């Protein structure tokens, strides 16, 4: 079997596993009564995952990334817009890189 066929099979298997976890999560949650506590947990789950990814990456990154994340945090705190915060963070990182920081 060639390398390309192996890669395609790997991608298809990963797709299948991903789909199974997504569908099984929805199926399992269909049996759970949504209480205010569970609703709050689900509401903030995505934010906690993003923080768990961004913080360690930021701690080991260049200072320009610290500036970008700081700018994104400020925009998020002021506007409550995740999209705006991501755009500002990306713009600050690009600008800092272009000016040599």
C-alpha atoms as a PDB file:
ATOM      1  CA  UNK A   1       0.000   0.000   0.000  1.00  0.00           C
ATOM      2  CA  UNK A   2       1.399   3.363  -0.979  1.00  0.00           C
ATOM      3  CA  UNK A   3       1.981   6.316   1.293  1.00  0.00           C
ATOM      4  CA  UNK A   4      -0.945   8.228  -0.182  1.00  0.00           C
ATOM      5  CA  UNK A   5      -3.379   5.389   0.406  1.00  0.00           C
ATOM      6  CA  UNK A   6      -2.173   5.028   4.003  1.00  0.00           C
ATOM      7  CA  UNK A   7      -2.637   8.757   4.568  1.00  0.00           C
ATOM      8  CA  UNK A   8      -6.137   8.678   3.092  1.00  0.00           C
ATOM      9  CA  UNK A   9      -7.112   5.705   5.262  1.00  0.00           C
ATOM     10  CA  UNK A  10      -5.740   7.486   8.354  1.00  0.00           C
ATOM     11  CA  UNK A  11      -7.736  10.626   7.570  1.00  0.00           C
ATOM     12  CA  UNK A  12     -10.902   8.606   6.979  1.00  0.00           C
ATOM     13  CA  UNK A  13     -10.456   6.717  10.262  1.00  0.00           C
ATOM     14  CA  UNK A  14      -9.865   9.969  12.170  1.00  0.00           C
ATOM     15  CA  UNK A  15     -12.983  11.404  10.536  1.00  0.00           C
ATOM     16  CA  UNK A  16     -14.980   8.369  11.613  1.00  0.00           C
ATOM     17  CA  UNK A  17     -13.734   8.595  15.210  1.00  0.00           C
ATOM     18  CA  UNK A  18     -14.477  12.325  15.339  1.00  0.00           C
ATOM     19  CA  UNK A  19     -17.993  11.826  13.996  1.00  0.00           C
ATOM     20  CA  UNK A  20     -18.626   9.000  16.464  1.00  0.00           C
ATOM     21  CA  UNK A  21     -17.581  11.124  19.438  1.00  0.00           C
ATOM     22  CA  UNK A  22     -19.751  14.026  18.309  1.00  0.00           C
ATOM     23  CA  UNK A  23     -22.841  11.900  17.669  1.00  0.00           C
ATOM     24  CA  UNK A  24     -22.384   9.856  20.837  1.00  0.00           C
ATOM     25  CA  UNK A  25     -22.092  13.058  22.892  1.00  0.00           C
ATOM     26  CA  UNK A  26     -25.386  14.322  21.528  1.00  0.00           C
ATOM     27  CA  UNK A  27     -26.992  10.910  22.092  1.00  0.00           C
ATOM     28  CA  UNK A  28     -25.735  10.672  25.696  1.00  0.00           C
ATOM     29  CA  UNK A  29     -26.854  14.220  26.487  1.00  0.00           C
ATOM     30  CA  UNK A  30     -30.353  13.363  25.256  1.00  0.00           C
ATOM     31  CA  UNK A  31     -30.716  11.284  28.443  1.00  0.00           C
ATOM     32  CA  UNK A  32     -29.497  14.065  30.785  1.00  0.00           C
ATOM     33  CA  UNK A  33     -31.834  16.617  32.317  1.00  0.00           C
ATOM     34  CA  UNK A  34     -30.377  20.056  31.639  1.00  0.00           C
ATOM     35  CA  UNK A  35     -30.189  21.794  34.996  1.00  0.00           C
ATOM     36  CA  UNK A  36     -28.930  25.361  35.423  1.00  0.00           C
ATOM     37  CA  UNK A  37     -25.615  23.964  36.643  1.00  0.00           C
ATOM     38  CA  UNK A  38     -25.153  21.761  33.563  1.00  0.00           C
ATOM     39  CA  UNK A  39     -26.214  24.632  31.309  1.00  0.00           C
ATOM     40  CA  UNK A  40     -23.580  26.895  32.876  1.00  0.00           C
ATOM     41  CA  UNK A  41     -20.964  24.151  32.467  1.00  0.00           C
ATOM     42  CA  UNK A  42     -21.766  23.713  28.791  1.00  0.00           C
ATOM     43  CA  UNK A  43     -21.872  27.467  28.232  1.00  0.00           C
ATOM     44  CA  UNK A  44     -18.305  27.969  29.458  1.00  0.00           C
ATOM     45  CA  UNK A  45     -16.788  24.708  28.211  1.00  0.00           C
ATOM     46  CA  UNK A  46     -15.552  26.162  24.911  1.00  0.00           C
ATOM     47  CA  UNK A  47     -13.993  29.162  26.663  1.00  0.00           C
ATOM     48  CA  UNK A  48     -12.108  26.917  29.073  1.00  0.00           C
ATOM     49  CA  UNK A  49     -10.762  24.815  26.195  1.00  0.00           C
ATOM     50  CA  UNK A  50      -9.534  27.926  24.359  1.00  0.00           C
ATOM     51  CA  UNK A  51      -7.854  29.209  27.540  1.00  0.00           C
ATOM     52  CA  UNK A  52      -6.225  25.807  28.108  1.00  0.00           C
ATOM     53  CA  UNK A  53      -4.714  26.012  24.625  1.00  0.00           C
ATOM     54  CA  UNK A  54      -3.792  29.720  24.524  1.00  0.00           C
ATOM     55  CA  UNK A  55      -2.180  30.190  27.955  1.00  0.00           C
ATOM     56  CA  UNK A  56       0.568  27.537  27.700  1.00  0.00           C
ATOM     57  CA  UNK A  57       1.307  28.523  24.107  1.00  0.00           C
ATOM     58  CA  UNK A  58       1.550  32.190  25.136  1.00  0.00           C
ATOM     59  CA  UNK A  59       3.876  31.497  28.053  1.00  0.00           C
ATOM     60  CA  UNK A  60       6.411  29.868  25.732  1.00  0.00           C
ATOM     61  CA  UNK A  61       6.004  32.325  22.855  1.00  0.00           C
ATOM     62  CA  UNK A  62       7.781  35.488  21.769  1.00  0.00           C
ATOM     63  CA  UNK A  63       6.910  38.809  23.432  1.00  0.00           C
ATOM     64  CA  UNK A  64       4.953  39.901  20.352  1.00  0.00           C
ATOM     65  CA  UNK A  65       2.495  37.083  21.092  1.00  0.00           C
ATOM     66  CA  UNK A  66       2.161  38.352  24.656  1.00  0.00           C
ATOM     67  CA  UNK A  67       1.209  41.743  23.218  1.00  0.00           C
ATOM     68  CA  UNK A  68      -1.287  40.153  20.829  1.00  0.00           C
ATOM     69  CA  UNK A  69      -2.947  38.091  23.549  1.00  0.00           C
ATOM     70  CA  UNK A  70      -3.010  41.111  25.861  1.00  0.00           C
ATOM     71  CA  UNK A  71      -4.683  43.210  23.184  1.00  0.00           C
ATOM     72  CA  UNK A  72      -7.202  40.444  22.529  1.00  0.00           C
ATOM     73  CA  UNK A  73      -8.002  40.190  26.242  1.00  0.00           C
ATOM     74  CA  UNK A  74      -8.575  43.950  26.465  1.00  0.00           C
ATOM     75  CA  UNK A  75     -10.847  43.955  23.407  1.00  0.00           C
ATOM     76  CA  UNK A  76     -12.764  40.963  24.755  1.00  0.00           C
ATOM     77  CA  UNK A  77     -13.218  42.631  28.144  1.00  0.00           C
ATOM     78  CA  UNK A  78     -14.451  45.866  26.598  1.00  0.00           C
ATOM     79  CA  UNK A  79     -16.632  44.562  23.762  1.00  0.00           C
ATOM     80  CA  UNK A  80     -17.494  40.944  24.716  1.00  0.00           C
ATOM     81  CA  UNK A  81     -16.856  40.065  21.066  1.00  0.00           C
ATOM     82  CA  UNK A  82     -14.744  36.946  20.563  1.00  0.00           C
ATOM     83  CA  UNK A  83     -14.443  37.607  16.845  1.00  0.00           C
ATOM     84  CA  UNK A  84     -13.272  41.176  17.447  1.00  0.00           C
ATOM     85  CA  UNK A  85     -10.747  39.984  20.020  1.00  0.00           C
ATOM     86  CA  UNK A  86      -9.343  37.365  17.640  1.00  0.00           C
ATOM     87  CA  UNK A  87      -9.072  39.878  14.807  1.00  0.00           C
ATOM     88  CA  UNK A  88      -7.326  42.458  16.989  1.00  0.00           C
ATOM     89  CA  UNK A  89      -4.970  39.812  18.411  1.00  0.00           C
ATOM     90  CA  UNK A  90      -4.027  38.599  14.933  1.00  0.00           C
ATOM     91  CA  UNK A  91      -3.539  42.168  13.708  1.00  0.00           C
ATOM     92  CA  UNK A  92      -1.310  43.081  16.664  1.00  0.00           C
ATOM     93  CA  UNK A  93       0.786  39.932  16.180  1.00  0.00           C
ATOM     94  CA  UNK A  94       1.198  40.645  12.464  1.00  0.00           C
ATOM     95  CA  UNK A  95       2.032  44.300  13.063  1.00  0.00           C
ATOM     96  CA  UNK A  96       4.557  43.451  15.791  1.00  0.00           C
ATOM     97  CA  UNK A  97       6.220  40.910  13.527  1.00  0.00           C
ATOM     98  CA  UNK A  98       6.398  43.358  10.619  1.00  0.00           C
ATOM     99  CA  UNK A  99       8.049  46.046  12.731  1.00  0.00           C
ATOM    100  CA  UNK A 100      10.595  43.519  14.021  1.00  0.00           C
ATOM    101  CA  UNK A 101       9.349  42.986  17.540  1.00  0.00           C
END
